[in-house]
Amino acid sequence: DGYNNVDKEVDRLIYSTGVIFVKSAGNTYDEVTSPGKALNTITVGNADTKNDYLQTRIVPYSIATESSYTEPDYLPNKPDIVAPGTNIAVPAQNGVRIGSGTSFAAPLVTGVLAQMCQRAPSLKYSRERAKAMLLLGAEQGKISTTNNSYVQNFQRDKSGAGLVNAQ
């Protein structure tokens, strides 16, 4: 589905309140879920950066299959940015469990935005500038699956601006 009433309402709320709004892309495999299509939302996909919770994959990373993406007809339907969200160790009742998905990636981007706002407090009042700085700082070259330049560009498109950079 396209830009719907939920997306419009979230855009209106973001505009009227000035908040920075981060949303996981959803794990639908083919389409960003609402309100991820809201124009002022920062939508986060899942970068497949780990084989398991102990081993890191070799750069460039691939974008995880559950990171929502479909070729857009009239409106971008992909994450704005991706963050690690595969094989994440999380506390569980019996110790630790492993989880994967865009819901694990979105909090990492939220944390990076919080650090950015702490370092430059004026960003708290400029959601457009905060989003622009986040996306401009993303590392495009870290998301790919092969050395074929056509595929690399396609993968970058799927991952929006690229891998979040917390530096």
Protein backbone atom coordinates (compact mmCIF):
# COMPACT_ATOMS: atom_id res chain seq x y z
CA ASP A 1 0.00 0.00 0.00
CA GLY A 2 1.11 3.55 -0.61
CA TYR A 3 1.31 6.63 1.52
CA ASN A 4 -1.86 6.20 3.58
CA ASN A 5 -3.78 8.04 6.30
CA VAL A 6 -1.59 6.59 9.07
CA ASP A 7 1.54 7.90 7.31
CA LYS A 8 -0.11 11.29 6.76
CA GLU A 9 -1.14 11.53 10.42
CA VAL A 10 2.36 10.65 11.62
CA ASP A 11 3.84 13.26 9.28
CA ARG A 12 1.40 15.82 10.70
CA LEU A 13 2.34 14.88 14.29
CA ILE A 14 6.07 14.96 13.55
CA TYR A 15 5.70 18.36 11.89
CA SER A 16 3.61 19.84 14.70
CA THR A 17 5.72 18.45 17.57
CA GLY A 18 9.19 18.54 15.99
CA VAL A 19 10.06 15.07 17.31
CA ILE A 20 12.58 12.80 15.61
CA PHE A 21 10.67 9.62 14.77
CA VAL A 22 12.45 6.28 14.14
CA LYS A 23 10.51 3.27 12.81
CA SER A 24 11.60 -0.27 11.98
CA ALA A 25 10.92 -1.08 8.32
CA GLY A 26 8.94 -4.15 9.34
CA ASN A 27 9.68 -7.75 8.53
CA THR A 28 7.31 -8.17 5.62
CA TYR A 29 10.07 -9.03 3.10
CA ASP A 30 8.59 -6.83 0.42
CA GLU A 31 7.07 -3.62 1.72
CA VAL A 32 7.84 -1.04 4.39
CA THR A 33 5.04 -1.03 6.96
CA SER A 34 3.22 2.14 8.03
CA PRO A 35 4.08 4.60 9.40
CA GLY A 36 7.46 3.85 7.82
CA LYS A 37 6.37 5.56 4.61
CA ALA A 38 5.74 8.85 6.37
CA LEU A 39 8.05 11.38 4.75
CA ASN A 40 9.52 12.61 8.05
CA THR A 41 10.03 9.16 9.58
CA ILE A 42 13.49 7.59 9.71
CA THR A 43 12.83 4.02 8.57
CA VAL A 44 15.43 1.40 9.55
CA GLY A 45 16.26 -1.87 7.83
CA ASN A 46 18.34 -4.82 9.03
CA ALA A 47 21.98 -5.27 7.98
CA ASP A 48 23.09 -8.89 8.19
CA THR A 49 26.38 -8.34 10.05
CA LYS A 50 26.72 -11.57 12.09
CA ASN A 51 26.87 -15.29 11.39
CA ASP A 52 25.85 -15.88 14.99
CA TYR A 53 26.02 -13.77 18.12
CA LEU A 54 29.80 -14.28 18.41
CA GLN A 55 31.05 -14.05 14.82
CA THR A 56 31.01 -10.95 12.67
CA ARG A 57 30.60 -11.33 8.91
CA ILE A 58 33.16 -9.89 6.54
CA VAL A 59 32.51 -6.43 5.08
CA PRO A 60 30.66 -5.65 2.84
CA TYR A 61 27.56 -6.89 4.63
CA SER A 62 24.36 -7.96 2.96
CA ILE A 63 20.96 -6.53 3.72
CA ALA A 64 18.83 -9.08 5.55
CA THR A 65 15.98 -10.58 3.57
CA GLU A 66 13.36 -9.41 6.07
CA SER A 67 14.33 -5.77 5.52
CA SER A 68 11.30 -4.56 3.69
CA TYR A 69 11.89 -3.44 0.14
CA THR A 70 9.93 -3.39 -3.07
CA GLU A 71 10.56 -1.53 -6.30
CA PRO A 72 8.56 1.67 -5.76
CA ASP A 73 5.83 2.68 -8.19
CA TYR A 74 5.51 6.28 -7.02
CA LEU A 75 6.95 6.59 -3.52
CA PRO A 76 10.16 5.21 -2.03
CA ASN A 77 9.40 1.93 -0.33
CA LYS A 78 12.70 1.04 1.30
CA PRO A 79 14.49 1.72 4.56
CA ASP A 80 16.18 5.13 4.86
CA ILE A 81 19.16 3.47 6.54
CA VAL A 82 20.18 0.05 7.87
CA ALA A 83 21.79 -1.05 11.13
CA PRO A 84 22.93 -4.41 12.55
CA GLY A 85 19.85 -6.45 13.42
CA THR A 86 20.74 -10.09 12.74
CA ASN A 87 21.71 -12.60 15.45
CA ILE A 88 21.56 -10.08 18.28
CA ALA A 89 22.04 -11.48 21.79
CA VAL A 90 19.25 -10.28 24.08
CA PRO A 91 18.35 -11.07 27.70
CA ALA A 92 15.77 -13.82 28.15
CA GLN A 93 14.17 -15.57 31.11
CA ASN A 94 16.68 -18.43 30.95
CA GLY A 95 19.75 -16.36 30.10
CA VAL A 96 20.31 -15.11 26.57
CA ARG A 97 18.47 -15.68 23.33
CA ILE A 98 19.26 -14.68 19.76
CA GLY A 99 16.92 -12.38 17.85
CA SER A 100 16.87 -10.92 14.36
CA GLY A 101 14.81 -8.34 12.53
CA THR A 102 14.34 -4.68 11.86
CA SER A 103 13.07 -4.24 15.43
CA PHE A 104 16.59 -5.00 16.64
CA ALA A 105 18.15 -2.53 14.20
CA ALA A 106 15.88 0.49 14.86
CA PRO A 107 16.99 1.01 18.50
CA LEU A 108 20.62 1.22 17.34
CA VAL A 109 19.73 4.09 15.03
CA THR A 110 17.74 5.73 17.84
CA GLY A 111 20.83 5.50 20.05
CA VAL A 112 23.03 7.07 17.36
CA LEU A 113 20.52 9.92 17.02
CA ALA A 114 20.52 10.40 20.81
CA GLN A 115 24.32 10.65 20.77
CA MET A 116 24.15 13.15 17.91
CA CYS A 117 21.64 15.29 19.85
CA GLN A 118 23.77 15.10 22.98
CA ARG A 119 26.81 16.30 21.08
CA ALA A 120 24.91 18.99 19.15
CA PRO A 121 21.81 19.93 21.23
CA SER A 122 20.40 22.12 18.45
CA LEU A 123 19.62 18.92 16.49
CA LYS A 124 16.81 18.18 18.96
CA TYR A 125 14.92 21.08 17.44
CA SER A 126 15.67 20.32 13.79
CA ARG A 127 14.43 16.87 12.80
CA GLU A 128 15.26 17.55 9.13
CA ARG A 129 18.87 18.41 9.94
CA ALA A 130 19.22 15.42 12.29
CA LYS A 131 17.87 13.04 9.64
CA ALA A 132 20.07 14.59 6.94
CA MET A 133 23.21 14.30 9.08
CA LEU A 134 22.39 10.69 9.96
CA LEU A 135 21.85 9.72 6.31
CA LEU A 136 24.87 11.67 5.05
CA GLY A 137 27.08 9.90 7.59
CA ALA A 138 25.92 6.42 6.54
CA GLU A 139 28.48 4.11 4.97
CA GLN A 140 27.20 3.03 1.55
CA GLY A 141 30.16 0.81 0.72
CA LYS A 142 29.56 -1.46 3.70
CA ILE A 143 26.33 -2.90 2.27
CA SER A 144 26.66 -5.16 -0.76
CA THR A 145 26.72 -8.81 -1.79
CA THR A 146 29.18 -8.99 -4.69
CA ASN A 147 31.80 -6.98 -6.56
CA ASN A 148 29.49 -6.49 -9.53
CA SER A 149 28.86 -2.72 -9.62
CA TYR A 150 25.26 -3.11 -10.85
CA VAL A 151 24.42 -5.34 -7.88
CA GLN A 152 26.28 -3.05 -5.47
CA ASN A 153 24.21 -0.07 -6.60
CA PHE A 154 21.03 -2.14 -6.35
CA GLN A 155 21.96 -3.22 -2.81
CA ARG A 156 22.70 0.37 -1.82
CA ASP A 157 19.29 1.35 -3.14
CA LYS A 158 17.71 -1.39 -1.05
CA SER A 159 19.52 -0.18 2.04
CA GLY A 160 18.72 3.48 1.60
CA ALA A 161 21.70 5.62 2.60
CA GLY A 162 23.72 2.59 3.77
CA LEU A 163 24.94 1.31 7.14
CA VAL A 164 24.52 3.65 10.11
CA ASN A 165 27.80 5.15 11.32
CA ALA A 166 28.05 5.98 15.02
CA GLN A 167 31.40 7.77 14.78
